[in-house]
Amino acid sequence: MTVESAELAIERGGGVSLWRQIEEQLHAEIAGGALPPGARLPTEQMLAERFHVNRHTVRRALAELVQRGLVRVEQGRGAFVQEDVIDYALGKRTRFTENILRRGREPGGALLEAREMPASEAAARALEIAAGTPVVSLLTLREADGLPLSLSRHCFPAERFAGIGEAYRELGSLTRALARFGVADYTRRWTRLTARLPSAEEARHLRQPPTVPVLESEAVNADARGRPIEYGVAAFAGNRVHIVVES
């Protein structure tokens, strides 16, 4: 669309605010396919020049698109048209890689941190150990098609799983890392879901605005004998993931 046609679409002095008109026009371009899923939007300065408005007006229009789930903003990279939301299944056996492959996406991720630390009260209660007992804590970032989906903190009893961080870094999979420690299979004992705003660290790693909620999944996995092996808390990008609970 040319600057001239954009100007014709913006009515000045009418009953509809300029930012609302810009938001509606960008929405129409997204819905019509001119801006396809994953496409990078022009910068705020480029949009301000296109519509002959100040950057504050453009920023207000983009904020509305973010709130509607049509656009995501990645810090330092710009604004992008939101891709399709991924259905993430929670069931008796929840496996990240299988979940993402089932949706036709490419799973990925990274181990951001591995360290031994005293178990918090929540972790100790979930793992059925005394508070302060050493656990191995892993911080992982998981992706689909290169887009961050979750930032997760996993805690394992250190007495049984010392070195699981190195195994995960080598194998790239918690399931395969657990198998190295003799856990051939494990199942979900329980999951608690909560919607909340992200921490600064979560917003940075998930590349989302701090005003967009995350879905927190707190869960415990147990081995074939029913012994708890992992306590985890994951923050899922709320505008990229739908949690589907399978019976």
C-alpha atoms as a PDB file:
ATOM      1  CA  MET A   1       0.000   0.000   0.000  1.00  0.00           C
ATOM      2  CA  THR A   2       1.341   3.460  -0.897  1.00  0.00           C
ATOM      3  CA  VAL A   3       1.588   6.389   1.478  1.00  0.00           C
ATOM      4  CA  GLU A   4      -1.103   8.157  -0.527  1.00  0.00           C
ATOM      5  CA  SER A   5      -3.613   5.308  -0.165  1.00  0.00           C
ATOM      6  CA  ALA A   6      -2.757   4.974   3.530  1.00  0.00           C
ATOM      7  CA  GLU A   7      -3.463   8.673   4.006  1.00  0.00           C
ATOM      8  CA  LEU A   8      -6.882   8.270   2.372  1.00  0.00           C
ATOM      9  CA  ALA A   9      -7.707   5.501   4.849  1.00  0.00           C
ATOM     10  CA  ILE A  10      -6.916   7.722   7.843  1.00  0.00           C
ATOM     11  CA  GLU A  11      -9.666  10.214   8.529  1.00  0.00           C
ATOM     12  CA  ARG A  12      -8.473  13.162  10.543  1.00  0.00           C
ATOM     13  CA  GLY A  13     -10.887  15.083  12.693  1.00  0.00           C
ATOM     14  CA  GLY A  14     -13.501  12.337  12.540  1.00  0.00           C
ATOM     15  CA  GLY A  15     -15.051  10.401  15.367  1.00  0.00           C
ATOM     16  CA  VAL A  16     -12.480   7.568  15.386  1.00  0.00           C
ATOM     17  CA  SER A  17      -9.035   8.132  16.903  1.00  0.00           C
ATOM     18  CA  LEU A  18      -6.001   7.907  14.632  1.00  0.00           C
ATOM     19  CA  TRP A  19      -4.446   4.996  16.534  1.00  0.00           C
ATOM     20  CA  ARG A  20      -7.688   3.021  16.234  1.00  0.00           C
ATOM     21  CA  GLN A  21      -7.817   3.599  12.474  1.00  0.00           C
ATOM     22  CA  ILE A  22      -4.194   2.466  12.121  1.00  0.00           C
ATOM     23  CA  GLU A  23      -4.887  -0.604  14.252  1.00  0.00           C
ATOM     24  CA  GLU A  24      -7.923  -1.488  12.115  1.00  0.00           C
ATOM     25  CA  GLN A  25      -5.994  -1.047   8.881  1.00  0.00           C
ATOM     26  CA  LEU A  26      -3.092  -3.221  10.032  1.00  0.00           C
ATOM     27  CA  HIS A  27      -5.625  -5.780  11.269  1.00  0.00           C
ATOM     28  CA  ALA A  28      -7.212  -5.830   7.825  1.00  0.00           C
ATOM     29  CA  GLU A  29      -3.811  -6.395   6.209  1.00  0.00           C
ATOM     30  CA  ILE A  30      -3.122  -9.298   8.567  1.00  0.00           C
ATOM     31  CA  ALA A  31      -6.564 -10.836   7.973  1.00  0.00           C
ATOM     32  CA  GLY A  32      -6.213 -10.365   4.206  1.00  0.00           C
ATOM     33  CA  GLY A  33      -2.805 -12.028   4.051  1.00  0.00           C
ATOM     34  CA  ALA A  34      -0.810  -8.967   3.050  1.00  0.00           C
ATOM     35  CA  LEU A  35       1.004  -9.489   6.359  1.00  0.00           C
ATOM     36  CA  PRO A  36       1.206 -13.303   6.728  1.00  0.00           C
ATOM     37  CA  PRO A  37       1.922 -15.196   9.982  1.00  0.00           C
ATOM     38  CA  GLY A  38       5.495 -14.652  11.106  1.00  0.00           C
ATOM     39  CA  ALA A  39       5.990 -11.557   8.963  1.00  0.00           C
ATOM     40  CA  ARG A  40       7.917  -8.669  10.485  1.00  0.00           C
ATOM     41  CA  LEU A  41       5.935  -5.437  10.605  1.00  0.00           C
ATOM     42  CA  PRO A  42       7.544  -2.180   9.505  1.00  0.00           C
ATOM     43  CA  THR A  43       9.300  -0.298  12.278  1.00  0.00           C
ATOM     44  CA  GLU A  44       7.435   2.281  14.350  1.00  0.00           C
ATOM     45  CA  GLN A  45       9.268   5.037  12.471  1.00  0.00           C
ATOM     46  CA  MET A  46       8.303   3.587   9.084  1.00  0.00           C
ATOM     47  CA  LEU A  47       4.650   3.277  10.131  1.00  0.00           C
ATOM     48  CA  ALA A  48       4.683   6.805  11.539  1.00  0.00           C
ATOM     49  CA  GLU A  49       5.944   8.104   8.195  1.00  0.00           C
ATOM     50  CA  ARG A  50       3.461   5.983   6.265  1.00  0.00           C
ATOM     51  CA  PHE A  51       0.446   7.266   8.208  1.00  0.00           C
ATOM     52  CA  HIS A  52       1.861  10.747   8.865  1.00  0.00           C
ATOM     53  CA  VAL A  53       1.461  10.438  12.633  1.00  0.00           C
ATOM     54  CA  ASN A  54       3.845  10.441  15.577  1.00  0.00           C
ATOM     55  CA  ARG A  55       5.424   7.246  16.919  1.00  0.00           C
ATOM     56  CA  HIS A  56       3.319   7.373  20.098  1.00  0.00           C
ATOM     57  CA  THR A  57       0.170   6.966  17.977  1.00  0.00           C
ATOM     58  CA  VAL A  58       1.706   4.001  16.134  1.00  0.00           C
ATOM     59  CA  ARG A  59       2.836   2.474  19.428  1.00  0.00           C
ATOM     60  CA  ARG A  60      -0.727   2.649  20.772  1.00  0.00           C
ATOM     61  CA  ALA A  61      -2.061   0.880  17.670  1.00  0.00           C
ATOM     62  CA  LEU A  62       0.565  -1.875  17.944  1.00  0.00           C
ATOM     63  CA  ALA A  63      -0.178  -2.325  21.650  1.00  0.00           C
ATOM     64  CA  GLU A  64      -3.827  -2.992  20.804  1.00  0.00           C
ATOM     65  CA  LEU A  65      -2.809  -5.597  18.197  1.00  0.00           C
ATOM     66  CA  VAL A  66      -0.616  -7.275  20.815  1.00  0.00           C
ATOM     67  CA  GLN A  67      -3.478  -7.351  23.311  1.00  0.00           C
ATOM     68  CA  ARG A  68      -5.719  -8.935  20.680  1.00  0.00           C
ATOM     69  CA  GLY A  69      -3.128 -11.649  20.087  1.00  0.00           C
ATOM     70  CA  LEU A  70      -2.535 -10.652  16.455  1.00  0.00           C
ATOM     71  CA  VAL A  71       0.988  -9.321  16.886  1.00  0.00           C
ATOM     72  CA  ARG A  72       3.909 -10.208  19.136  1.00  0.00           C
ATOM     73  CA  VAL A  73       6.800  -7.906  20.026  1.00  0.00           C
ATOM     74  CA  GLU A  74      10.285  -9.357  20.456  1.00  0.00           C
ATOM     75  CA  GLN A  75      12.626  -7.126  22.405  1.00  0.00           C
ATOM     76  CA  GLY A  76      15.379  -5.817  20.157  1.00  0.00           C
ATOM     77  CA  ARG A  77      13.893  -7.418  17.020  1.00  0.00           C
ATOM     78  CA  GLY A  78      10.584  -5.678  16.358  1.00  0.00           C
ATOM     79  CA  ALA A  79       6.944  -6.628  15.891  1.00  0.00           C
ATOM     80  CA  PHE A  80       5.780  -9.784  14.107  1.00  0.00           C
ATOM     81  CA  VAL A  81       2.438 -11.178  12.993  1.00  0.00           C
ATOM     82  CA  GLN A  82       1.496 -13.898  15.470  1.00  0.00           C
ATOM     83  CA  GLU A  83       1.800 -17.450  14.185  1.00  0.00           C
ATOM     84  CA  ASP A  84      -0.840 -20.096  14.801  1.00  0.00           C
ATOM     85  CA  VAL A  85      -1.182 -21.026  18.462  1.00  0.00           C
ATOM     86  CA  ILE A  86       0.175 -24.496  19.293  1.00  0.00           C
ATOM     87  CA  ASP A  87      -1.974 -27.008  21.162  1.00  0.00           C
ATOM     88  CA  TYR A  88       0.274 -28.431  23.887  1.00  0.00           C
ATOM     89  CA  ALA A  89      -1.056 -31.659  25.370  1.00  0.00           C
ATOM     90  CA  LEU A  90      -0.763 -32.487  29.054  1.00  0.00           C
ATOM     91  CA  GLY A  91      -1.457 -36.110  29.848  1.00  0.00           C
ATOM     92  CA  LYS A  92      -0.149 -39.159  31.653  1.00  0.00           C
ATOM     93  CA  ARG A  93       3.050 -39.049  29.598  1.00  0.00           C
ATOM     94  CA  THR A  94       3.928 -35.486  28.645  1.00  0.00           C
ATOM     95  CA  ARG A  95       6.951 -35.228  26.347  1.00  0.00           C
ATOM     96  CA  PHE A  96       7.894 -31.856  24.852  1.00  0.00           C
ATOM     97  CA  THR A  97       9.557 -33.169  21.690  1.00  0.00           C
ATOM     98  CA  GLU A  98       6.692 -35.533  20.881  1.00  0.00           C
ATOM     99  CA  ASN A  99       4.163 -32.777  21.508  1.00  0.00           C
ATOM    100  CA  ILE A 100       5.839 -30.385  19.090  1.00  0.00           C
ATOM    101  CA  LEU A 101       6.516 -32.995  16.386  1.00  0.00           C
ATOM    102  CA  ARG A 102       2.853 -34.044  16.575  1.00  0.00           C
ATOM    103  CA  ARG A 103       1.901 -30.483  15.606  1.00  0.00           C
ATOM    104  CA  GLY A 104       4.178 -30.538  12.567  1.00  0.00           C
ATOM    105  CA  ARG A 105       6.705 -28.174  14.141  1.00  0.00           C
ATOM    106  CA  GLU A 106      10.456 -28.473  14.692  1.00  0.00           C
ATOM    107  CA  PRO A 107      11.337 -28.775  18.406  1.00  0.00           C
ATOM    108  CA  GLY A 108      14.420 -27.115  19.821  1.00  0.00           C
ATOM    109  CA  GLY A 109      15.799 -25.497  22.903  1.00  0.00           C
ATOM    110  CA  ALA A 110      18.760 -24.982  25.156  1.00  0.00           C
ATOM    111  CA  LEU A 111      20.006 -25.715  28.647  1.00  0.00           C
ATOM    112  CA  LEU A 112      20.572 -22.293  30.193  1.00  0.00           C
ATOM    113  CA  GLU A 113      21.728 -23.370  33.641  1.00  0.00           C
ATOM    114  CA  ALA A 114      22.554 -26.522  35.619  1.00  0.00           C
ATOM    115  CA  ARG A 115      23.476 -26.339  39.285  1.00  0.00           C
ATOM    116  CA  GLU A 116      23.049 -28.115  42.587  1.00  0.00           C
ATOM    117  CA  MET A 117      21.069 -26.243  45.219  1.00  0.00           C
ATOM    118  CA  PRO A 118      19.041 -26.872  48.399  1.00  0.00           C
ATOM    119  CA  ALA A 119      15.474 -27.942  47.711  1.00  0.00           C
ATOM    120  CA  SER A 120      12.864 -25.270  48.287  1.00  0.00           C
ATOM    121  CA  GLU A 121       9.871 -26.158  50.430  1.00  0.00           C
ATOM    122  CA  ALA A 122       7.730 -26.629  47.316  1.00  0.00           C
ATOM    123  CA  ALA A 123      10.314 -28.840  45.589  1.00  0.00           C
ATOM    124  CA  ALA A 124      10.959 -30.859  48.758  1.00  0.00           C
ATOM    125  CA  ARG A 125       7.253 -31.441  49.311  1.00  0.00           C
ATOM    126  CA  ALA A 126       6.757 -32.540  45.694  1.00  0.00           C
ATOM    127  CA  LEU A 127       9.825 -34.802  45.661  1.00  0.00           C
ATOM    128  CA  GLU A 128       9.072 -36.173  49.136  1.00  0.00           C
ATOM    129  CA  ILE A 129      12.438 -35.181  50.551  1.00  0.00           C
ATOM    130  CA  ALA A 130      13.437 -32.910  53.421  1.00  0.00           C
ATOM    131  CA  ALA A 131      13.594 -29.175  52.743  1.00  0.00           C
ATOM    132  CA  GLY A 132      17.174 -28.171  52.028  1.00  0.00           C
ATOM    133  CA  THR A 133      18.136 -31.587  50.625  1.00  0.00           C
ATOM    134  CA  PRO A 134      20.359 -31.092  47.543  1.00  0.00           C
ATOM    135  CA  VAL A 135      18.623 -31.141  44.169  1.00  0.00           C
ATOM    136  CA  VAL A 136      19.969 -30.692  40.661  1.00  0.00           C
ATOM    137  CA  SER A 137      18.220 -27.685  39.132  1.00  0.00           C
ATOM    138  CA  LEU A 138      18.048 -27.242  35.353  1.00  0.00           C
ATOM    139  CA  LEU A 139      16.772 -24.132  33.584  1.00  0.00           C
ATOM    140  CA  THR A 140      15.685 -24.880  30.021  1.00  0.00           C
ATOM    141  CA  LEU A 141      14.318 -22.809  27.158  1.00  0.00           C
ATOM    142  CA  ARG A 142      12.198 -24.767  24.710  1.00  0.00           C
ATOM    143  CA  GLU A 143      11.210 -23.723  21.212  1.00  0.00           C
ATOM    144  CA  ALA A 144       9.102 -24.657  18.205  1.00  0.00           C
ATOM    145  CA  ASP A 145      10.388 -23.585  14.794  1.00  0.00           C
ATOM    146  CA  GLY A 146      12.884 -21.348  16.595  1.00  0.00           C
ATOM    147  CA  LEU A 147      10.196 -19.480  18.537  1.00  0.00           C
ATOM    148  CA  PRO A 148      10.399 -19.691  22.361  1.00  0.00           C
ATOM    149  CA  LEU A 149       7.471 -21.534  23.920  1.00  0.00           C
ATOM    150  CA  SER A 150       8.487 -22.185  27.516  1.00  0.00           C
ATOM    151  CA  LEU A 151      11.065 -21.382  30.165  1.00  0.00           C
ATOM    152  CA  SER A 152      11.234 -24.244  32.666  1.00  0.00           C
ATOM    153  CA  ARG A 153      12.916 -24.966  35.995  1.00  0.00           C
ATOM    154  CA  HIS A 154      13.370 -28.713  36.641  1.00  0.00           C
ATOM    155  CA  CYS A 155      14.479 -30.128  39.991  1.00  0.00           C
ATOM    156  CA  PHE A 156      15.784 -33.675  40.490  1.00  0.00           C
ATOM    157  CA  PRO A 157      16.993 -35.325  43.730  1.00  0.00           C
ATOM    158  CA  ALA A 158      20.787 -34.906  43.575  1.00  0.00           C
ATOM    159  CA  GLU A 159      21.463 -38.209  45.339  1.00  0.00           C
ATOM    160  CA  ARG A 160      19.907 -40.094  42.437  1.00  0.00           C
ATOM    161  CA  PHE A 161      20.486 -37.747  39.500  1.00  0.00           C
ATOM    162  CA  ALA A 162      23.876 -36.103  40.014  1.00  0.00           C
ATOM    163  CA  GLY A 163      25.202 -35.243  36.551  1.00  0.00           C
ATOM    164  CA  ILE A 164      21.829 -35.135  34.797  1.00  0.00           C
ATOM    165  CA  GLY A 165      22.653 -31.632  33.581  1.00  0.00           C
ATOM    166  CA  GLU A 166      25.626 -32.938  31.625  1.00  0.00           C
ATOM    167  CA  ALA A 167      23.503 -35.798  30.249  1.00  0.00           C
ATOM    168  CA  TYR A 168      20.809 -33.371  29.111  1.00  0.00           C
ATOM    169  CA  ARG A 169      23.357 -31.052  27.498  1.00  0.00           C
ATOM    170  CA  GLU A 170      24.809 -34.018  25.588  1.00  0.00           C
ATOM    171  CA  LEU A 171      21.560 -35.724  24.598  1.00  0.00           C
ATOM    172  CA  GLY A 172      19.265 -32.714  24.198  1.00  0.00           C
ATOM    173  CA  SER A 173      16.335 -34.530  25.792  1.00  0.00           C
ATOM    174  CA  LEU A 174      15.191 -34.985  29.376  1.00  0.00           C
ATOM    175  CA  THR A 175      13.620 -38.325  28.490  1.00  0.00           C
ATOM    176  CA  ARG A 176      16.909 -39.661  27.112  1.00  0.00           C
ATOM    177  CA  ALA A 177      18.854 -38.132  30.013  1.00  0.00           C
ATOM    178  CA  LEU A 178      16.571 -39.857  32.535  1.00  0.00           C
ATOM    179  CA  ALA A 179      16.982 -43.162  30.682  1.00  0.00           C
ATOM    180  CA  ARG A 180      20.730 -42.885  31.264  1.00  0.00           C
ATOM    181  CA  PHE A 181      19.941 -42.854  34.996  1.00  0.00           C
ATOM    182  CA  GLY A 182      17.809 -45.977  34.762  1.00  0.00           C
ATOM    183  CA  VAL A 183      14.407 -44.289  34.356  1.00  0.00           C
ATOM    184  CA  ALA A 184      13.053 -46.007  31.245  1.00  0.00           C
ATOM    185  CA  ASP A 185       9.580 -44.533  31.666  1.00  0.00           C
ATOM    186  CA  TYR A 186       7.916 -41.901  33.814  1.00  0.00           C
ATOM    187  CA  THR A 187       4.414 -40.521  34.189  1.00  0.00           C
ATOM    188  CA  ARG A 188       2.806 -37.296  35.292  1.00  0.00           C
ATOM    189  CA  ARG A 189       1.594 -37.470  38.891  1.00  0.00           C
ATOM    190  CA  TRP A 190      -0.137 -34.084  38.884  1.00  0.00           C
ATOM    191  CA  THR A 191      -0.158 -30.686  37.155  1.00  0.00           C
ATOM    192  CA  ARG A 192      -1.300 -27.307  38.452  1.00  0.00           C
ATOM    193  CA  LEU A 193      -1.996 -24.536  35.909  1.00  0.00           C
ATOM    194  CA  THR A 194      -1.980 -20.813  36.682  1.00  0.00           C
ATOM    195  CA  ALA A 195      -2.184 -17.681  34.527  1.00  0.00           C
ATOM    196  CA  ARG A 196       0.036 -14.805  35.636  1.00  0.00           C
ATOM    197  CA  LEU A 197       2.275 -12.048  34.339  1.00  0.00           C
ATOM    198  CA  PRO A 198       5.855 -13.067  33.514  1.00  0.00           C
ATOM    199  CA  SER A 199       8.945 -12.119  35.469  1.00  0.00           C
ATOM    200  CA  ALA A 200      11.489  -9.910  33.714  1.00  0.00           C
ATOM    201  CA  GLU A 201      13.645 -12.991  33.042  1.00  0.00           C
ATOM    202  CA  GLU A 202      10.729 -14.924  31.580  1.00  0.00           C
ATOM    203  CA  ALA A 203       9.662 -12.044  29.339  1.00  0.00           C
ATOM    204  CA  ARG A 204      13.233 -11.655  28.076  1.00  0.00           C
ATOM    205  CA  HIS A 205      13.766 -15.333  27.285  1.00  0.00           C
ATOM    206  CA  LEU A 206      10.291 -15.814  25.807  1.00  0.00           C
ATOM    207  CA  ARG A 207      10.719 -12.605  23.786  1.00  0.00           C
ATOM    208  CA  GLN A 208       7.333 -11.223  24.781  1.00  0.00           C
ATOM    209  CA  PRO A 209       6.079  -8.034  26.422  1.00  0.00           C
ATOM    210  CA  PRO A 210       5.913  -8.122  30.231  1.00  0.00           C
ATOM    211  CA  THR A 211       2.219  -7.212  29.998  1.00  0.00           C
ATOM    212  CA  VAL A 212       1.287 -10.434  28.174  1.00  0.00           C
ATOM    213  CA  PRO A 213       0.421 -13.286  30.579  1.00  0.00           C
ATOM    214  CA  VAL A 214       2.176 -16.635  30.720  1.00  0.00           C
ATOM    215  CA  LEU A 215       0.642 -19.993  31.610  1.00  0.00           C
ATOM    216  CA  GLU A 216       2.491 -21.511  34.543  1.00  0.00           C
ATOM    217  CA  SER A 217       2.571 -25.297  34.723  1.00  0.00           C
ATOM    218  CA  GLU A 218       3.725 -26.752  38.060  1.00  0.00           C
ATOM    219  CA  ALA A 219       4.092 -30.518  37.864  1.00  0.00           C
ATOM    220  CA  VAL A 220       5.572 -33.697  39.316  1.00  0.00           C
ATOM    221  CA  ASN A 221       6.736 -36.744  37.340  1.00  0.00           C
ATOM    222  CA  ALA A 222       7.214 -40.162  38.902  1.00  0.00           C
ATOM    223  CA  ASP A 223       9.063 -43.315  37.839  1.00  0.00           C
ATOM    224  CA  ALA A 224       7.493 -46.728  37.213  1.00  0.00           C
ATOM    225  CA  ARG A 225       7.568 -47.500  40.943  1.00  0.00           C
ATOM    226  CA  GLY A 226       5.683 -44.295  41.739  1.00  0.00           C
ATOM    227  CA  ARG A 227       8.664 -42.472  43.232  1.00  0.00           C
ATOM    228  CA  PRO A 228       8.768 -38.755  42.362  1.00  0.00           C
ATOM    229  CA  ILE A 229      11.779 -37.967  40.187  1.00  0.00           C
ATOM    230  CA  GLU A 230      11.149 -34.431  38.904  1.00  0.00           C
ATOM    231  CA  TYR A 231       9.477 -31.286  40.139  1.00  0.00           C
ATOM    232  CA  GLY A 232       9.095 -28.669  37.434  1.00  0.00           C
ATOM    233  CA  VAL A 233       7.695 -25.188  36.970  1.00  0.00           C
ATOM    234  CA  ALA A 234       7.318 -24.011  33.370  1.00  0.00           C
ATOM    235  CA  ALA A 235       6.200 -20.635  32.049  1.00  0.00           C
ATOM    236  CA  PHE A 236       4.522 -20.989  28.637  1.00  0.00           C
ATOM    237  CA  ALA A 237       4.087 -17.997  26.333  1.00  0.00           C
ATOM    238  CA  GLY A 238       0.363 -17.455  26.768  1.00  0.00           C
ATOM    239  CA  ASN A 239      -0.263 -16.097  23.272  1.00  0.00           C
ATOM    240  CA  ARG A 240       1.585 -18.962  21.531  1.00  0.00           C
ATOM    241  CA  VAL A 241       0.326 -22.017  23.417  1.00  0.00           C
ATOM    242  CA  HIS A 242      -3.029 -23.571  24.243  1.00  0.00           C
ATOM    243  CA  ILE A 243      -2.785 -26.125  27.047  1.00  0.00           C
ATOM    244  CA  VAL A 244      -4.908 -29.184  26.246  1.00  0.00           C
ATOM    245  CA  VAL A 245      -5.499 -31.553  29.183  1.00  0.00           C
ATOM    246  CA  GLU A 246      -5.860 -35.144  27.971  1.00  0.00           C
ATOM    247  CA  SER A 247      -7.727 -37.706  30.063  1.00  0.00           C
END
